[in-house]
Amino acid sequence: MRTLSVAIVLCVCAVLNGSGGSSAAAATESGRSADGHSVPTYFAAVVANIFYIPAKVVFAAAGAVTSGLAYAVTLGDTSVSNSIWNTSVNGDYVVTPRMIEGREPVDFTGK
């Protein structure tokens, strides 16, 4: 828990300083990285992923189990199980800075 607290404090300090921690996301003089994203956008993506990734993984796992049960209950009807599988397992597993900026949609259900 202490390591997580230190990591959060370091991230907040980096955002307040206006500089990133790695060369790939290093801020230029304009406050944007080489690929055009601001440091707060990267920070927002990281914070969003803290909640989004576990939610998506749980949703996908529950969908996979439900898909298997639907296959068994319908005696092998793949149309039902495939629909459940595709809705739950497909989609985005990570929120990117482009999604935070509204340039790309977040596709939670793969539809």
N, C-alpha and C. Protein backbone atom coordinates (compact mmCIF):
# COMPACT_ATOMS: atom_id res chain seq x y z
N MET A 1 0.82 -1.19 0.00
CA MET A 1 0.00 0.00 0.00
C MET A 1 0.87 1.25 0.00
N ARG A 2 1.98 1.18 0.72
CA ARG A 2 2.87 2.34 0.80
C ARG A 2 3.49 2.62 -0.57
N THR A 3 3.84 1.57 -1.32
CA THR A 3 4.41 1.75 -2.65
C THR A 3 3.40 2.41 -3.58
N LEU A 4 2.15 2.02 -3.50
CA LEU A 4 1.10 2.64 -4.32
C LEU A 4 0.96 4.12 -3.97
N SER A 5 1.00 4.44 -2.70
CA SER A 5 0.89 5.85 -2.29
C SER A 5 2.06 6.67 -2.83
N VAL A 6 3.26 6.12 -2.77
CA VAL A 6 4.44 6.82 -3.29
C VAL A 6 4.31 7.00 -4.79
N ALA A 7 3.83 5.99 -5.50
CA ALA A 7 3.67 6.09 -6.95
C ALA A 7 2.65 7.16 -7.31
N ILE A 8 1.56 7.25 -6.58
CA ILE A 8 0.55 8.26 -6.84
C ILE A 8 1.11 9.66 -6.60
N VAL A 9 1.85 9.83 -5.51
CA VAL A 9 2.45 11.13 -5.21
C VAL A 9 3.43 11.52 -6.31
N LEU A 10 4.24 10.58 -6.79
CA LEU A 10 5.19 10.88 -7.86
C LEU A 10 4.47 11.27 -9.15
N CYS A 11 3.37 10.59 -9.45
CA CYS A 11 2.60 10.93 -10.66
C CYS A 11 2.01 12.33 -10.55
N VAL A 12 1.48 12.66 -9.39
CA VAL A 12 0.91 13.99 -9.19
C VAL A 12 2.00 15.04 -9.30
N CYS A 13 3.15 14.79 -8.71
CA CYS A 13 4.26 15.74 -8.80
C CYS A 13 4.71 15.91 -10.25
N ALA A 14 4.75 14.84 -11.01
CA ALA A 14 5.16 14.93 -12.42
C ALA A 14 4.17 15.77 -13.22
N VAL A 15 2.88 15.59 -12.94
CA VAL A 15 1.87 16.37 -13.63
C VAL A 15 1.98 17.85 -13.25
N LEU A 16 2.16 18.11 -11.98
CA LEU A 16 2.28 19.50 -11.54
C LEU A 16 3.54 20.16 -12.06
N ASN A 17 4.61 19.38 -12.21
CA ASN A 17 5.85 19.91 -12.77
C ASN A 17 5.74 20.13 -14.27
N GLY A 18 4.82 19.41 -14.92
CA GLY A 18 4.68 19.53 -16.36
C GLY A 18 5.68 18.71 -17.12
N SER A 19 6.22 17.66 -16.49
CA SER A 19 7.17 16.81 -17.20
C SER A 19 6.81 15.35 -16.96
N GLY A 20 7.04 14.53 -17.98
CA GLY A 20 6.77 13.10 -17.87
C GLY A 20 7.97 12.37 -17.33
N GLY A 21 7.80 11.09 -17.04
CA GLY A 21 8.88 10.32 -16.48
C GLY A 21 9.71 9.57 -17.49
N SER A 22 9.21 9.33 -18.70
CA SER A 22 9.95 8.55 -19.67
C SER A 22 10.21 9.38 -20.92
N SER A 23 11.16 8.94 -21.71
CA SER A 23 11.48 9.67 -22.92
C SER A 23 10.36 9.58 -23.94
N ALA A 24 9.58 8.49 -23.93
CA ALA A 24 8.47 8.34 -24.88
C ALA A 24 7.36 9.34 -24.61
N ALA A 25 7.17 9.67 -23.35
CA ALA A 25 6.08 10.59 -22.99
C ALA A 25 6.61 11.91 -22.45
N ALA A 26 7.88 12.20 -22.74
CA ALA A 26 8.46 13.44 -22.23
C ALA A 26 7.79 14.64 -22.85
N ALA A 27 7.54 15.62 -22.03
CA ALA A 27 6.86 16.82 -22.51
C ALA A 27 7.83 17.74 -23.22
N THR A 28 7.38 18.36 -24.25
CA THR A 28 8.17 19.36 -24.94
C THR A 28 7.93 20.70 -24.27
N GLU A 29 8.50 21.75 -24.80
CA GLU A 29 8.33 23.07 -24.20
C GLU A 29 6.88 23.52 -24.22
N SER A 30 6.08 23.01 -25.15
CA SER A 30 4.67 23.40 -25.22
C SER A 30 3.80 22.62 -24.25
N GLY A 31 4.38 21.70 -23.47
CA GLY A 31 3.60 20.90 -22.53
C GLY A 31 2.96 19.69 -23.17
N ARG A 32 3.37 19.34 -24.37
CA ARG A 32 2.83 18.18 -25.08
C ARG A 32 3.95 17.20 -25.39
N SER A 33 3.61 15.92 -25.47
CA SER A 33 4.60 14.91 -25.81
C SER A 33 4.85 14.91 -27.31
N ALA A 34 5.75 14.06 -27.73
CA ALA A 34 6.09 13.99 -29.15
C ALA A 34 4.90 13.60 -30.02
N ASP A 35 3.95 12.84 -29.47
CA ASP A 35 2.78 12.45 -30.25
C ASP A 35 1.57 13.35 -29.99
N GLY A 36 1.78 14.51 -29.37
CA GLY A 36 0.74 15.52 -29.27
C GLY A 36 -0.17 15.47 -28.07
N HIS A 37 0.09 14.61 -27.11
CA HIS A 37 -0.76 14.50 -25.92
C HIS A 37 -0.13 15.28 -24.77
N SER A 38 -0.97 15.93 -23.98
CA SER A 38 -0.45 16.65 -22.82
C SER A 38 -0.21 15.67 -21.67
N VAL A 39 0.61 16.09 -20.74
CA VAL A 39 0.92 15.26 -19.58
C VAL A 39 -0.34 14.95 -18.77
N PRO A 40 -1.23 15.92 -18.52
CA PRO A 40 -2.46 15.58 -17.81
C PRO A 40 -3.32 14.54 -18.54
N THR A 41 -3.24 14.51 -19.86
CA THR A 41 -3.99 13.51 -20.62
C THR A 41 -3.45 12.11 -20.33
N TYR A 42 -2.12 11.98 -20.30
CA TYR A 42 -1.53 10.69 -19.94
C TYR A 42 -1.91 10.30 -18.52
N PHE A 43 -1.87 11.25 -17.62
CA PHE A 43 -2.22 10.99 -16.23
C PHE A 43 -3.68 10.54 -16.13
N ALA A 44 -4.56 11.20 -16.85
CA ALA A 44 -5.98 10.83 -16.84
C ALA A 44 -6.18 9.43 -17.40
N ALA A 45 -5.42 9.07 -18.43
CA ALA A 45 -5.52 7.72 -19.00
C ALA A 45 -5.08 6.67 -17.98
N VAL A 46 -4.01 6.94 -17.26
CA VAL A 46 -3.54 6.00 -16.24
C VAL A 46 -4.59 5.84 -15.14
N VAL A 47 -5.13 6.95 -14.66
CA VAL A 47 -6.14 6.89 -13.60
C VAL A 47 -7.39 6.16 -14.09
N ALA A 48 -7.82 6.44 -15.32
CA ALA A 48 -8.99 5.76 -15.87
C ALA A 48 -8.75 4.26 -15.97
N ASN A 49 -7.54 3.87 -16.37
CA ASN A 49 -7.24 2.45 -16.51
C ASN A 49 -7.18 1.70 -15.20
N ILE A 50 -6.93 2.41 -14.10
CA ILE A 50 -6.93 1.77 -12.79
C ILE A 50 -8.30 1.16 -12.51
N PHE A 51 -9.34 1.82 -13.00
CA PHE A 51 -10.70 1.31 -12.81
C PHE A 51 -11.21 0.53 -14.02
N TYR A 52 -10.85 0.97 -15.22
CA TYR A 52 -11.39 0.39 -16.45
C TYR A 52 -10.88 -1.03 -16.69
N ILE A 53 -9.58 -1.25 -16.56
CA ILE A 53 -9.02 -2.57 -16.87
C ILE A 53 -9.61 -3.67 -15.99
N PRO A 54 -9.64 -3.52 -14.67
CA PRO A 54 -10.27 -4.59 -13.87
C PRO A 54 -11.74 -4.80 -14.20
N ALA A 55 -12.46 -3.71 -14.47
CA ALA A 55 -13.88 -3.84 -14.82
C ALA A 55 -14.04 -4.62 -16.12
N LYS A 56 -13.21 -4.32 -17.11
CA LYS A 56 -13.29 -5.01 -18.41
C LYS A 56 -12.91 -6.48 -18.26
N VAL A 57 -11.89 -6.78 -17.49
CA VAL A 57 -11.46 -8.17 -17.31
C VAL A 57 -12.55 -8.98 -16.60
N VAL A 58 -13.15 -8.41 -15.58
CA VAL A 58 -14.24 -9.11 -14.87
C VAL A 58 -15.43 -9.31 -15.81
N PHE A 59 -15.78 -8.27 -16.57
CA PHE A 59 -16.88 -8.36 -17.52
C PHE A 59 -16.61 -9.45 -18.57
N ALA A 60 -15.38 -9.48 -19.09
CA ALA A 60 -15.03 -10.48 -20.10
C ALA A 60 -15.04 -11.90 -19.52
N ALA A 61 -14.53 -12.06 -18.32
CA ALA A 61 -14.52 -13.39 -17.69
C ALA A 61 -15.94 -13.88 -17.42
N ALA A 62 -16.77 -12.98 -16.91
CA ALA A 62 -18.17 -13.35 -16.65
C ALA A 62 -18.89 -13.69 -17.96
N GLY A 63 -18.60 -12.94 -19.01
CA GLY A 63 -19.20 -13.21 -20.32
C GLY A 63 -18.73 -14.53 -20.90
N ALA A 64 -17.45 -14.85 -20.69
CA ALA A 64 -16.93 -16.12 -21.20
C ALA A 64 -17.60 -17.30 -20.51
N VAL A 65 -17.76 -17.19 -19.20
CA VAL A 65 -18.43 -18.26 -18.45
C VAL A 65 -19.89 -18.36 -18.88
N THR A 66 -20.56 -17.23 -18.98
CA THR A 66 -21.97 -17.22 -19.40
C THR A 66 -22.13 -17.77 -20.80
N SER A 67 -21.19 -17.45 -21.69
CA SER A 67 -21.22 -17.97 -23.05
C SER A 67 -21.13 -19.50 -23.05
N GLY A 68 -20.24 -20.03 -22.23
CA GLY A 68 -20.11 -21.48 -22.12
C GLY A 68 -21.37 -22.13 -21.57
N LEU A 69 -21.95 -21.50 -20.57
CA LEU A 69 -23.21 -22.03 -20.02
C LEU A 69 -24.33 -21.96 -21.04
N ALA A 70 -24.39 -20.86 -21.79
CA ALA A 70 -25.43 -20.73 -22.82
C ALA A 70 -25.27 -21.80 -23.89
N TYR A 71 -24.04 -22.10 -24.25
CA TYR A 71 -23.77 -23.15 -25.23
C TYR A 71 -24.29 -24.50 -24.73
N ALA A 72 -24.03 -24.78 -23.44
CA ALA A 72 -24.46 -26.05 -22.87
C ALA A 72 -25.99 -26.11 -22.72
N VAL A 73 -26.58 -25.04 -22.25
CA VAL A 73 -28.03 -25.01 -22.02
C VAL A 73 -28.81 -25.09 -23.33
N THR A 74 -28.30 -24.47 -24.38
CA THR A 74 -29.01 -24.49 -25.67
C THR A 74 -28.60 -25.69 -26.53
N LEU A 75 -27.88 -26.62 -25.92
CA LEU A 75 -27.44 -27.85 -26.60
C LEU A 75 -26.63 -27.56 -27.86
N GLY A 76 -25.71 -26.62 -27.75
CA GLY A 76 -24.79 -26.35 -28.84
C GLY A 76 -25.21 -25.28 -29.82
N ASP A 77 -26.17 -24.45 -29.48
CA ASP A 77 -26.58 -23.36 -30.36
C ASP A 77 -25.52 -22.26 -30.29
N THR A 78 -24.69 -22.20 -31.32
CA THR A 78 -23.58 -21.25 -31.30
C THR A 78 -24.01 -19.80 -31.51
N SER A 79 -25.20 -19.57 -32.06
CA SER A 79 -25.62 -18.19 -32.27
C SER A 79 -25.80 -17.46 -30.93
N VAL A 80 -26.33 -18.16 -29.95
CA VAL A 80 -26.53 -17.55 -28.63
C VAL A 80 -25.19 -17.35 -27.93
N SER A 81 -24.39 -18.40 -27.88
CA SER A 81 -23.11 -18.30 -27.17
C SER A 81 -22.14 -17.34 -27.86
N ASN A 82 -22.14 -17.30 -29.18
CA ASN A 82 -21.26 -16.36 -29.90
C ASN A 82 -21.65 -14.91 -29.64
N SER A 83 -22.93 -14.65 -29.56
CA SER A 83 -23.40 -13.29 -29.28
C SER A 83 -22.93 -12.83 -27.90
N ILE A 84 -23.06 -13.69 -26.91
CA ILE A 84 -22.61 -13.35 -25.56
C ILE A 84 -21.09 -13.19 -25.54
N TRP A 85 -20.39 -14.11 -26.18
CA TRP A 85 -18.93 -14.07 -26.22
C TRP A 85 -18.44 -12.78 -26.87
N ASN A 86 -18.97 -12.47 -28.06
CA ASN A 86 -18.49 -11.29 -28.79
C ASN A 86 -18.78 -9.99 -28.04
N THR A 87 -19.91 -9.92 -27.39
CA THR A 87 -20.25 -8.71 -26.65
C THR A 87 -19.36 -8.51 -25.44
N SER A 88 -19.02 -9.58 -24.75
CA SER A 88 -18.27 -9.44 -23.51
C SER A 88 -16.75 -9.48 -23.69
N VAL A 89 -16.26 -10.32 -24.58
CA VAL A 89 -14.82 -10.51 -24.69
C VAL A 89 -14.17 -9.51 -25.66
N ASN A 90 -14.85 -9.14 -26.72
CA ASN A 90 -14.29 -8.17 -27.66
C ASN A 90 -14.37 -6.77 -27.07
N GLY A 91 -13.68 -5.84 -27.67
CA GLY A 91 -13.71 -4.46 -27.20
C GLY A 91 -12.35 -4.02 -26.71
N ASP A 92 -12.29 -2.82 -26.19
CA ASP A 92 -11.04 -2.25 -25.72
C ASP A 92 -10.76 -2.68 -24.28
N TYR A 93 -9.51 -3.04 -24.03
CA TYR A 93 -9.09 -3.41 -22.69
C TYR A 93 -8.29 -2.31 -22.01
N VAL A 94 -7.94 -1.26 -22.76
CA VAL A 94 -7.14 -0.16 -22.24
C VAL A 94 -7.70 1.16 -22.75
N VAL A 95 -7.75 2.16 -21.89
CA VAL A 95 -8.14 3.51 -22.29
C VAL A 95 -6.86 4.24 -22.69
N THR A 96 -6.86 4.80 -23.89
CA THR A 96 -5.68 5.49 -24.41
C THR A 96 -5.85 7.01 -24.30
N PRO A 97 -4.76 7.76 -24.42
CA PRO A 97 -4.89 9.22 -24.41
C PRO A 97 -5.81 9.74 -25.52
N ARG A 98 -5.82 9.10 -26.67
CA ARG A 98 -6.73 9.51 -27.75
C ARG A 98 -8.18 9.36 -27.33
N MET A 99 -8.50 8.35 -26.54
CA MET A 99 -9.86 8.17 -26.03
C MET A 99 -10.19 9.25 -25.00
N ILE A 100 -9.25 9.60 -24.17
CA ILE A 100 -9.45 10.65 -23.17
C ILE A 100 -9.74 11.97 -23.86
N GLU A 101 -9.04 12.24 -24.95
CA GLU A 101 -9.21 13.49 -25.70
C GLU A 101 -10.47 13.49 -26.56
N GLY A 102 -11.14 12.35 -26.71
CA GLY A 102 -12.35 12.26 -27.51
C GLY A 102 -12.09 12.02 -28.99
N ARG A 103 -10.87 11.68 -29.35
CA ARG A 103 -10.53 11.40 -30.75
C ARG A 103 -10.94 10.00 -31.18
N GLU A 104 -11.06 9.07 -30.22
CA GLU A 104 -11.48 7.69 -30.49
C GLU A 104 -12.55 7.32 -29.46
N PRO A 105 -13.52 6.50 -29.86
CA PRO A 105 -14.51 6.06 -28.86
C PRO A 105 -13.96 4.94 -27.98
N VAL A 106 -14.49 4.83 -26.80
CA VAL A 106 -14.17 3.70 -25.91
C VAL A 106 -15.19 2.62 -26.23
N ASP A 107 -14.69 1.45 -26.63
CA ASP A 107 -15.57 0.35 -27.03
C ASP A 107 -15.51 -0.74 -25.96
N PHE A 108 -16.36 -0.63 -24.96
CA PHE A 108 -16.36 -1.58 -23.85
C PHE A 108 -16.93 -2.92 -24.26
N THR A 109 -17.96 -2.94 -25.09
CA THR A 109 -18.66 -4.19 -25.41
C THR A 109 -18.30 -4.80 -26.75
N GLY A 110 -17.43 -4.21 -27.51
CA GLY A 110 -17.02 -4.82 -28.78
C GLY A 110 -18.05 -4.76 -29.86
N LYS A 111 -18.98 -3.84 -29.79
CA LYS A 111 -20.01 -3.73 -30.82
C LYS A 111 -19.81 -2.49 -31.64
